[in-house]
Amino acid sequence: MRKWWLVIVVALLGLSSVHSTAMAQDGVSRKKQERILEKKARKEKKEKVKKERYDRRRHLSLQDKAARKRIRRHTKRADRRGSGEHRDGFFRRTFGW
């Protein structure tokens, strides 16, 4: 009689362990994981842009008035002409103003 109880207990323990290992396989699906990674990438990109903007403003605030004016003038010129090689205009090259 004791052997039967032992067999039943071992069988029940075996079945319960199979159920728990099968449940351990359930995790985050691949699609959900991709969505989480995309969301994280977007958040990091947004934070990076925010930090760059803050750093640029802080850098400008540390400069004196003449330097800020010079930076603005060169930035506008770069925006107009693009990021290629710079060449001053005719009057500036000829007369210096």
C-alpha atoms as a PDB file:
ATOM      1  CA  MET A   1       0.000   0.000   0.000  1.00  0.00           C
ATOM      2  CA  ARG A   2       2.855   2.360   0.786  1.00  0.00           C
ATOM      3  CA  LYS A   3       4.338   1.802  -2.662  1.00  0.00           C
ATOM      4  CA  TRP A   4       1.154   3.090  -4.296  1.00  0.00           C
ATOM      5  CA  TRP A   5       1.173   6.261  -2.214  1.00  0.00           C
ATOM      6  CA  LEU A   6       4.798   6.807  -3.113  1.00  0.00           C
ATOM      7  CA  VAL A   7       4.058   6.294  -6.818  1.00  0.00           C
ATOM      8  CA  ILE A   8       1.100   8.700  -6.696  1.00  0.00           C
ATOM      9  CA  VAL A   9       3.086  11.393  -4.849  1.00  0.00           C
ATOM     10  CA  VAL A  10       5.997  11.100  -7.273  1.00  0.00           C
ATOM     11  CA  ALA A  11       3.606  11.250 -10.237  1.00  0.00           C
ATOM     12  CA  LEU A  12       1.875  14.379  -8.872  1.00  0.00           C
ATOM     13  CA  LEU A  13       5.203  16.081  -8.225  1.00  0.00           C
ATOM     14  CA  GLY A  14       6.323  15.216 -11.728  1.00  0.00           C
ATOM     15  CA  LEU A  15       3.154  16.634 -13.282  1.00  0.00           C
ATOM     16  CA  SER A  16       3.358  19.827 -11.261  1.00  0.00           C
ATOM     17  CA  SER A  17       6.984  20.375 -12.258  1.00  0.00           C
ATOM     18  CA  VAL A  18       6.128  19.903 -15.952  1.00  0.00           C
ATOM     19  CA  HIS A  19       3.440  22.547 -15.660  1.00  0.00           C
ATOM     20  CA  SER A  20       5.795  25.050 -14.000  1.00  0.00           C
ATOM     21  CA  THR A  21       8.535  24.558 -16.628  1.00  0.00           C
ATOM     22  CA  ALA A  22       6.013  25.001 -19.405  1.00  0.00           C
ATOM     23  CA  MET A  23       4.864  28.247 -17.812  1.00  0.00           C
ATOM     24  CA  ALA A  24       8.467  29.436 -17.542  1.00  0.00           C
ATOM     25  CA  GLN A  25       8.673  29.458 -21.328  1.00  0.00           C
ATOM     26  CA  ASP A  26       5.956  32.095 -21.512  1.00  0.00           C
ATOM     27  CA  GLY A  27       7.704  35.421 -21.663  1.00  0.00           C
ATOM     28  CA  VAL A  28       7.552  38.553 -23.724  1.00  0.00           C
ATOM     29  CA  SER A  29       6.679  37.838 -27.320  1.00  0.00           C
ATOM     30  CA  ARG A  30       9.057  38.912 -30.054  1.00  0.00           C
ATOM     31  CA  LYS A  31       6.623  41.520 -31.370  1.00  0.00           C
ATOM     32  CA  LYS A  32       6.173  43.019 -27.925  1.00  0.00           C
ATOM     33  CA  GLN A  33       9.938  43.014 -27.366  1.00  0.00           C
ATOM     34  CA  GLU A  34      10.474  44.852 -30.681  1.00  0.00           C
ATOM     35  CA  ARG A  35       7.895  47.458 -29.675  1.00  0.00           C
ATOM     36  CA  ILE A  36       9.630  47.944 -26.340  1.00  0.00           C
ATOM     37  CA  LEU A  37      13.004  48.380 -28.071  1.00  0.00           C
ATOM     38  CA  GLU A  38      11.565  50.853 -30.596  1.00  0.00           C
ATOM     39  CA  LYS A  39       9.983  52.877 -27.812  1.00  0.00           C
ATOM     40  CA  LYS A  40      13.275  52.900 -25.913  1.00  0.00           C
ATOM     41  CA  ALA A  41      15.184  54.003 -29.029  1.00  0.00           C
ATOM     42  CA  ARG A  42      12.733  56.852 -29.645  1.00  0.00           C
ATOM     43  CA  LYS A  43      12.997  57.973 -26.039  1.00  0.00           C
ATOM     44  CA  GLU A  44      16.814  57.918 -26.136  1.00  0.00           C
ATOM     45  CA  LYS A  45      16.835  59.873 -29.403  1.00  0.00           C
ATOM     46  CA  LYS A  46      14.511  62.493 -27.950  1.00  0.00           C
ATOM     47  CA  GLU A  47      16.646  62.793 -24.820  1.00  0.00           C
ATOM     48  CA  LYS A  48      19.784  63.148 -26.924  1.00  0.00           C
ATOM     49  CA  VAL A  49      18.261  66.018 -28.935  1.00  0.00           C
ATOM     50  CA  LYS A  50      17.109  67.685 -25.731  1.00  0.00           C
ATOM     51  CA  LYS A  51      20.583  67.397 -24.183  1.00  0.00           C
ATOM     52  CA  GLU A  52      22.276  68.781 -27.316  1.00  0.00           C
ATOM     53  CA  ARG A  53      19.914  71.766 -27.305  1.00  0.00           C
ATOM     54  CA  TYR A  54      20.602  72.381 -23.619  1.00  0.00           C
ATOM     55  CA  ASP A  55      24.380  72.094 -24.152  1.00  0.00           C
ATOM     56  CA  ARG A  56      24.288  74.525 -27.082  1.00  0.00           C
ATOM     57  CA  ARG A  57      22.291  77.105 -25.113  1.00  0.00           C
ATOM     58  CA  ARG A  58      24.577  76.736 -22.112  1.00  0.00           C
ATOM     59  CA  HIS A  59      27.647  77.170 -24.313  1.00  0.00           C
ATOM     60  CA  LEU A  60      26.179  80.360 -25.798  1.00  0.00           C
ATOM     61  CA  SER A  61      25.324  81.697 -22.351  1.00  0.00           C
ATOM     62  CA  LEU A  62      28.970  81.336 -21.306  1.00  0.00           C
ATOM     63  CA  GLN A  63      30.209  83.444 -24.245  1.00  0.00           C
ATOM     64  CA  ASP A  64      30.490  87.215 -24.218  1.00  0.00           C
ATOM     65  CA  LYS A  65      28.246  89.397 -26.374  1.00  0.00           C
ATOM     66  CA  ALA A  66      30.728  89.796 -29.244  1.00  0.00           C
ATOM     67  CA  ALA A  67      31.313  86.047 -29.480  1.00  0.00           C
ATOM     68  CA  ARG A  68      27.549  85.319 -29.517  1.00  0.00           C
ATOM     69  CA  LYS A  69      27.095  87.868 -32.285  1.00  0.00           C
ATOM     70  CA  ARG A  70      29.959  86.357 -34.280  1.00  0.00           C
ATOM     71  CA  ILE A  71      28.550  82.829 -33.833  1.00  0.00           C
ATOM     72  CA  ARG A  72      25.095  83.957 -35.004  1.00  0.00           C
ATOM     73  CA  ARG A  73      26.574  85.707 -38.054  1.00  0.00           C
ATOM     74  CA  HIS A  74      28.597  82.661 -39.095  1.00  0.00           C
ATOM     75  CA  THR A  75      25.664  80.318 -38.457  1.00  0.00           C
ATOM     76  CA  LYS A  76      23.401  82.383 -40.704  1.00  0.00           C
ATOM     77  CA  ARG A  77      26.059  82.446 -43.410  1.00  0.00           C
ATOM     78  CA  ALA A  78      26.507  78.674 -43.181  1.00  0.00           C
ATOM     79  CA  ASP A  79      22.743  78.159 -43.397  1.00  0.00           C
ATOM     80  CA  ARG A  80      22.515  80.301 -46.536  1.00  0.00           C
ATOM     81  CA  ARG A  81      25.464  78.787 -48.371  1.00  0.00           C
ATOM     82  CA  GLY A  82      25.380  75.234 -47.068  1.00  0.00           C
ATOM     83  CA  SER A  83      28.042  73.244 -45.347  1.00  0.00           C
ATOM     84  CA  GLY A  84      30.512  73.275 -48.237  1.00  0.00           C
ATOM     85  CA  GLU A  85      33.593  75.455 -48.621  1.00  0.00           C
ATOM     86  CA  HIS A  86      33.060  79.079 -47.596  1.00  0.00           C
ATOM     87  CA  ARG A  87      33.846  82.029 -49.844  1.00  0.00           C
ATOM     88  CA  ASP A  88      33.143  85.633 -48.911  1.00  0.00           C
ATOM     89  CA  GLY A  89      31.064  87.806 -51.204  1.00  0.00           C
ATOM     90  CA  PHE A  90      32.531  90.133 -53.830  1.00  0.00           C
ATOM     91  CA  PHE A  91      32.294  93.355 -51.803  1.00  0.00           C
ATOM     92  CA  ARG A  92      33.695  91.751 -48.699  1.00  0.00           C
ATOM     93  CA  ARG A  93      36.616  90.316 -50.658  1.00  0.00           C
ATOM     94  CA  THR A  94      37.249  93.596 -52.475  1.00  0.00           C
ATOM     95  CA  PHE A  95      36.568  96.250 -49.866  1.00  0.00           C
ATOM     96  CA  GLY A  96      36.581  94.285 -46.600  1.00  0.00           C
ATOM     97  CA  TRP A  97      33.089  95.176 -45.434  1.00  0.00           C
END
